[in-house]
Amino acid sequence: MPTGQAVETRGHVVGFQEEIQIAAAQGKDPFFTWFDSAADTEAAFVRGTWDFLIHVAMPAARYLACPEEKTVLEIGHGGGRILAAACRSFRKGIGIDVHDNNALVEGELRARGVANCRLVKTDGRCIPVGDCTVDLVYSFIVLQHVERIDVFKSYFAETHRVLKPGALAVLYFGRKRRFSLNKRSRLLYWADRLLEELSLRRRGYQEIPARVNETNLVVAMSFAKRLSRSLRFEILKTLVSRKRVPDGMDLFGGQHGLLLRKP
């Protein structure tokens, strides 16, 4: 993922808007690959399909019937690489993001046969859709980039607001990963979970000064669970992001996740 040249002190929204606009001005591949480390636009969308299936669809599938009749919403759609896959399974897709290039994303999605989506600009902390209108909200590789815990809390609360009763959320966020990042060992993963709880025990999170598109918020799983329960979410499952390598084995990624249901 490309990153800014210096630590961003003006806020995540300003930094992301500027860096993404620069990428868009450089052409198609620089824009659509800015949001991950893919080699080109096609590779970005292939990886987006993997991320949707493994990180969103599979955890939610047991609890979500008839997605072809439902509406899905992505927090931080970026170049639409994951949203494209989601829209192929759902009746309607909605993407929200802070950047100013939705026309570019819409054009690429239409070229790929995806016409059942709507892209909306957000202020970086709210979900600009109506109450109780969405069947599944998800976010992947986004909430680790909101540099303030109040923004993180706002997105959890907004997710609860826009979900219909009985609807689901799959939300990933940055984790402590000193030993287990890009490793297969579950022992190292649980060592990081223990380290996380010990090092973040006072507040439950860490706000980290960082360049644009680097992790600047890590949140302990226990904190995210307490927040979810305070909003009256039902916690269905805890998750962790995974990476694939050529031999087909899974590696631990840098995000926690929660599968939540609004009662």
Protein backbone atom coordinates (compact mmCIF):
# COMPACT_ATOMS: atom_id res chain seq x y z
CA MET A 1 0.00 0.00 0.00
CA PRO A 2 1.45 3.40 -0.89
CA THR A 3 1.83 5.73 2.08
CA GLY A 4 2.34 9.43 2.60
CA GLN A 5 5.77 10.93 2.98
CA ALA A 6 5.39 12.24 6.54
CA VAL A 7 3.38 11.60 9.68
CA GLU A 8 -0.11 12.99 9.10
CA THR A 9 -1.08 15.57 11.71
CA ARG A 10 -4.13 17.15 10.02
CA GLY A 11 -6.45 14.14 10.41
CA HIS A 12 -7.02 10.95 8.48
CA VAL A 13 -9.67 12.42 6.17
CA VAL A 14 -7.48 15.24 4.81
CA GLY A 15 -4.49 12.98 4.34
CA PHE A 16 -6.42 10.25 2.58
CA GLN A 17 -8.23 12.67 0.29
CA GLU A 18 -4.97 14.24 -0.86
CA GLU A 19 -3.04 11.00 -1.35
CA ILE A 20 -5.90 9.31 -3.21
CA GLN A 21 -6.38 12.34 -5.45
CA ILE A 22 -2.69 12.24 -6.40
CA ALA A 23 -3.01 8.55 -7.26
CA ALA A 24 -6.12 9.19 -9.38
CA ALA A 25 -4.31 11.91 -11.33
CA GLN A 26 -1.55 9.42 -12.20
CA GLY A 27 -3.88 7.00 -13.98
CA LYS A 28 -6.01 3.90 -13.59
CA ASP A 29 -3.49 1.44 -12.15
CA PRO A 30 -1.98 3.91 -9.63
CA PHE A 31 -5.49 4.67 -8.35
CA PHE A 32 -6.93 1.16 -8.15
CA THR A 33 -3.75 -0.32 -6.66
CA TRP A 34 -3.33 2.48 -4.11
CA PHE A 35 -5.68 0.72 -1.69
CA ASP A 36 -3.64 -2.49 -1.50
CA SER A 37 -0.35 -3.85 -2.79
CA ALA A 38 -1.70 -5.45 -5.97
CA ALA A 39 0.42 -5.39 -9.13
CA ASP A 40 -2.31 -3.85 -11.30
CA THR A 41 -6.04 -3.11 -11.40
CA GLU A 42 -7.03 -6.64 -12.36
CA ALA A 43 -5.00 -8.13 -9.52
CA ALA A 44 -6.62 -5.69 -7.09
CA PHE A 45 -10.11 -6.90 -8.01
CA VAL A 46 -9.07 -10.55 -7.85
CA ARG A 47 -7.71 -9.95 -4.36
CA GLY A 48 -10.90 -8.10 -3.50
CA THR A 49 -12.91 -11.20 -4.35
CA TRP A 50 -10.69 -13.27 -2.03
CA ASP A 51 -11.06 -10.75 0.79
CA PHE A 52 -14.84 -10.63 0.48
CA LEU A 53 -15.28 -14.40 0.35
CA ILE A 54 -12.84 -15.29 3.12
CA HIS A 55 -13.23 -12.36 5.49
CA VAL A 56 -16.89 -11.37 5.04
CA ALA A 57 -19.03 -13.92 3.22
CA MET A 58 -17.80 -17.07 4.93
CA PRO A 59 -18.17 -15.78 8.52
CA ALA A 60 -21.62 -14.31 7.76
CA ALA A 61 -23.02 -17.11 5.60
CA ARG A 62 -24.34 -19.21 8.48
CA TYR A 63 -26.44 -16.29 9.76
CA LEU A 64 -27.54 -14.62 6.51
CA ALA A 65 -30.22 -16.17 4.31
CA CYS A 66 -31.11 -15.08 0.78
CA PRO A 67 -28.45 -12.39 0.23
CA GLU A 68 -29.78 -11.89 -3.30
CA GLU A 69 -32.74 -10.14 -1.67
CA LYS A 70 -30.68 -7.96 0.67
CA THR A 71 -28.59 -4.77 0.85
CA VAL A 72 -24.90 -4.74 1.77
CA LEU A 73 -22.83 -1.70 2.77
CA GLU A 74 -19.05 -1.29 2.86
CA ILE A 75 -17.35 1.27 5.10
CA GLY A 76 -14.36 2.52 3.10
CA HIS A 77 -14.96 1.08 -0.38
CA GLY A 78 -11.77 2.60 -1.81
CA GLY A 79 -11.50 1.53 -5.44
CA GLY A 80 -14.44 -0.88 -5.17
CA ARG A 81 -12.35 -4.05 -5.29
CA ILE A 82 -14.25 -5.77 -2.43
CA LEU A 83 -17.58 -4.10 -3.13
CA ALA A 84 -17.59 -5.54 -6.66
CA ALA A 85 -17.59 -9.05 -5.21
CA ALA A 86 -20.24 -8.16 -2.63
CA CYS A 87 -22.59 -6.74 -5.24
CA ARG A 88 -22.52 -10.01 -7.17
CA SER A 89 -24.06 -11.77 -4.16
CA PHE A 90 -26.48 -9.07 -2.94
CA ARG A 91 -29.45 -7.31 -4.49
CA LYS A 92 -27.94 -3.90 -3.80
CA GLY A 93 -24.59 -2.60 -2.63
CA ILE A 94 -23.67 0.72 -1.03
CA GLY A 95 -20.12 1.98 -0.61
CA ILE A 96 -19.03 4.93 1.50
CA ASP A 97 -15.61 6.61 1.47
CA VAL A 98 -13.97 9.97 2.10
CA HIS A 99 -12.37 10.44 -1.33
CA ASP A 100 -13.66 12.43 -4.30
CA ASN A 101 -13.29 9.80 -7.04
CA ASN A 102 -16.56 7.90 -6.93
CA ALA A 103 -17.21 8.58 -10.62
CA LEU A 104 -13.97 6.78 -11.46
CA VAL A 105 -14.93 3.82 -9.27
CA GLU A 106 -18.46 3.67 -10.66
CA GLY A 107 -17.08 3.57 -14.21
CA GLU A 108 -14.78 0.66 -13.38
CA LEU A 109 -17.58 -1.24 -11.64
CA ARG A 110 -19.91 -0.79 -14.61
CA ALA A 111 -17.15 -1.99 -16.95
CA ARG A 112 -17.01 -5.14 -14.81
CA GLY A 113 -20.75 -5.68 -15.04
CA VAL A 114 -21.60 -4.31 -11.59
CA ALA A 115 -24.56 -1.94 -11.83
CA ASN A 116 -26.42 -2.58 -8.58
CA CYS A 117 -24.40 -0.28 -6.32
CA ARG A 118 -24.47 3.28 -5.04
CA LEU A 119 -21.37 5.14 -3.86
CA VAL A 120 -21.67 7.91 -1.28
CA LYS A 121 -19.07 10.29 0.12
CA THR A 122 -18.79 10.32 3.91
CA ASP A 123 -17.22 12.76 6.36
CA GLY A 124 -15.02 10.00 7.79
CA ARG A 125 -17.10 9.13 10.84
CA CYS A 126 -20.75 8.76 9.76
CA ILE A 127 -22.69 6.41 7.48
CA PRO A 128 -24.94 8.65 5.35
CA VAL A 129 -27.89 6.30 4.90
CA GLY A 130 -31.19 5.94 6.74
CA ASP A 131 -31.94 4.07 9.95
CA CYS A 132 -32.62 0.32 9.72
CA THR A 133 -32.03 0.08 5.96
CA VAL A 134 -29.08 -2.33 5.58
CA ASP A 135 -28.82 -6.12 5.99
CA LEU A 136 -25.02 -6.42 6.23
CA VAL A 137 -22.35 -3.81 7.02
CA TYR A 138 -18.69 -4.72 6.65
CA SER A 139 -15.33 -2.98 6.79
CA PHE A 140 -11.91 -4.42 5.97
CA ILE A 141 -8.49 -2.68 6.17
CA VAL A 142 -10.19 0.62 7.05
CA LEU A 143 -10.81 1.03 10.78
CA GLN A 144 -7.10 0.59 11.50
CA HIS A 145 -6.60 3.91 9.68
CA VAL A 146 -8.99 6.11 11.69
CA GLU A 147 -6.55 7.77 14.03
CA ARG A 148 -8.92 8.56 16.90
CA ILE A 149 -10.88 6.15 19.06
CA ASP A 150 -13.91 8.46 18.94
CA VAL A 151 -14.10 7.88 15.16
CA PHE A 152 -13.88 4.13 15.73
CA LYS A 153 -16.71 4.33 18.26
CA SER A 154 -18.76 6.46 15.88
CA TYR A 155 -18.54 3.88 13.10
CA PHE A 156 -19.64 1.10 15.44
CA ALA A 157 -22.60 3.20 16.61
CA GLU A 158 -23.48 4.20 13.05
CA THR A 159 -23.32 0.58 11.98
CA HIS A 160 -25.86 -0.32 14.65
CA ARG A 161 -28.11 2.56 13.57
CA VAL A 162 -28.28 1.65 9.87
CA LEU A 163 -28.72 -2.11 10.36
CA LYS A 164 -32.16 -3.65 10.31
CA PRO A 165 -33.19 -5.72 13.33
CA GLY A 166 -31.55 -9.13 12.99
CA ALA A 167 -28.98 -7.83 10.49
CA LEU A 168 -25.23 -8.44 10.62
CA ALA A 169 -21.93 -6.56 10.74
CA VAL A 170 -18.43 -7.83 9.99
CA LEU A 171 -15.95 -5.23 11.23
CA TYR A 172 -12.16 -5.60 11.15
CA PHE A 173 -9.73 -3.33 13.02
CA GLY A 174 -6.03 -3.09 13.80
CA ARG A 175 -4.46 -5.44 16.34
CA LYS A 176 -1.15 -5.77 18.15
CA ARG A 177 0.98 -8.11 16.05
CA ARG A 178 4.53 -8.22 17.36
CA PHE A 179 5.08 -11.95 16.86
CA SER A 180 2.33 -13.38 14.66
CA LEU A 181 2.08 -11.10 11.59
CA ASN A 182 2.61 -13.17 8.43
CA LYS A 183 3.14 -16.29 10.53
CA ARG A 184 1.15 -19.55 10.66
CA SER A 185 1.64 -20.29 14.35
CA ARG A 186 -1.49 -20.07 16.50
CA LEU A 187 0.79 -20.02 19.51
CA LEU A 188 2.35 -16.77 18.28
CA TYR A 189 -1.10 -15.39 17.57
CA TRP A 190 -2.27 -16.06 21.12
CA ALA A 191 0.99 -14.64 22.44
CA ASP A 192 0.11 -11.42 20.65
CA ARG A 193 -3.43 -11.52 22.07
CA LEU A 194 -1.97 -11.76 25.58
CA LEU A 195 0.56 -9.00 24.90
CA GLU A 196 -2.23 -6.84 23.53
CA GLU A 197 -4.36 -7.19 26.65
CA LEU A 198 -1.38 -6.45 28.90
CA SER A 199 0.00 -3.49 26.96
CA LEU A 200 -3.40 -1.90 26.29
CA ARG A 201 -5.00 -2.72 29.64
CA ARG A 202 -5.26 0.92 30.78
CA ARG A 203 -7.30 2.25 27.85
CA GLY A 204 -7.92 -0.73 25.60
CA TYR A 205 -6.52 0.93 22.48
CA GLN A 206 -3.53 2.85 21.15
CA GLU A 207 -3.64 5.88 18.86
CA ILE A 208 -0.43 5.90 16.81
CA PRO A 209 0.93 8.91 14.87
CA ALA A 210 1.51 7.55 11.36
CA ARG A 211 1.73 8.35 7.68
CA VAL A 212 -1.39 8.07 5.55
CA ASN A 213 -2.33 4.43 4.90
CA GLU A 214 -0.28 3.07 7.78
CA THR A 215 -1.88 1.63 10.90
CA ASN A 216 -2.60 4.42 13.36
CA LEU A 217 -5.15 2.75 15.63
CA VAL A 218 -4.94 -0.63 17.34
CA VAL A 219 -7.81 -1.82 19.52
CA ALA A 220 -7.80 -4.70 21.99
CA MET A 221 -10.37 -7.37 21.28
CA SER A 222 -11.74 -6.97 24.81
CA PHE A 223 -12.33 -3.24 24.24
CA ALA A 224 -14.14 -3.87 20.93
CA LYS A 225 -16.33 -6.47 22.61
CA ARG A 226 -17.25 -4.12 25.46
CA LEU A 227 -18.08 -1.39 22.96
CA SER A 228 -20.24 -3.80 20.93
CA ARG A 229 -22.17 -4.94 23.99
CA SER A 230 -22.70 -1.34 25.11
CA LEU A 231 -24.37 -0.69 21.76
CA ARG A 232 -26.54 -3.79 22.29
CA PHE A 233 -24.88 -5.88 19.59
CA GLU A 234 -24.87 -9.64 19.94
CA ILE A 235 -21.34 -10.97 19.41
CA LEU A 236 -21.54 -14.06 17.18
CA LYS A 237 -17.87 -14.70 16.49
CA THR A 238 -14.36 -13.28 16.86
CA LEU A 239 -12.23 -13.18 13.71
CA VAL A 240 -8.68 -12.51 12.56
CA SER A 241 -7.58 -11.54 9.06
CA ARG A 242 -5.63 -14.06 6.99
CA LYS A 243 -3.24 -13.91 4.05
CA ARG A 244 -2.62 -16.44 1.30
CA VAL A 245 0.76 -17.52 -0.02
CA PRO A 246 1.63 -19.58 -3.13
CA ASP A 247 1.62 -22.91 -1.30
CA GLY A 248 -1.95 -22.28 -0.20
CA MET A 249 -1.28 -21.93 3.53
CA ASP A 250 -2.92 -19.20 5.60
CA LEU A 251 -0.87 -16.57 7.41
CA PHE A 252 -2.13 -14.31 10.18
CA GLY A 253 -2.85 -10.76 9.03
CA GLY A 254 -2.84 -7.55 11.01
CA GLN A 255 -6.52 -7.22 11.91
CA HIS A 256 -8.97 -8.48 14.48
CA GLY A 257 -12.58 -8.86 13.44
CA LEU A 258 -16.01 -9.21 15.00
CA LEU A 259 -19.14 -10.78 13.55
CA LEU A 260 -22.04 -8.92 15.17
CA ARG A 261 -25.82 -9.09 15.00
CA LYS A 262 -28.29 -6.36 15.85
CA PRO A 263 -31.08 -7.92 17.92
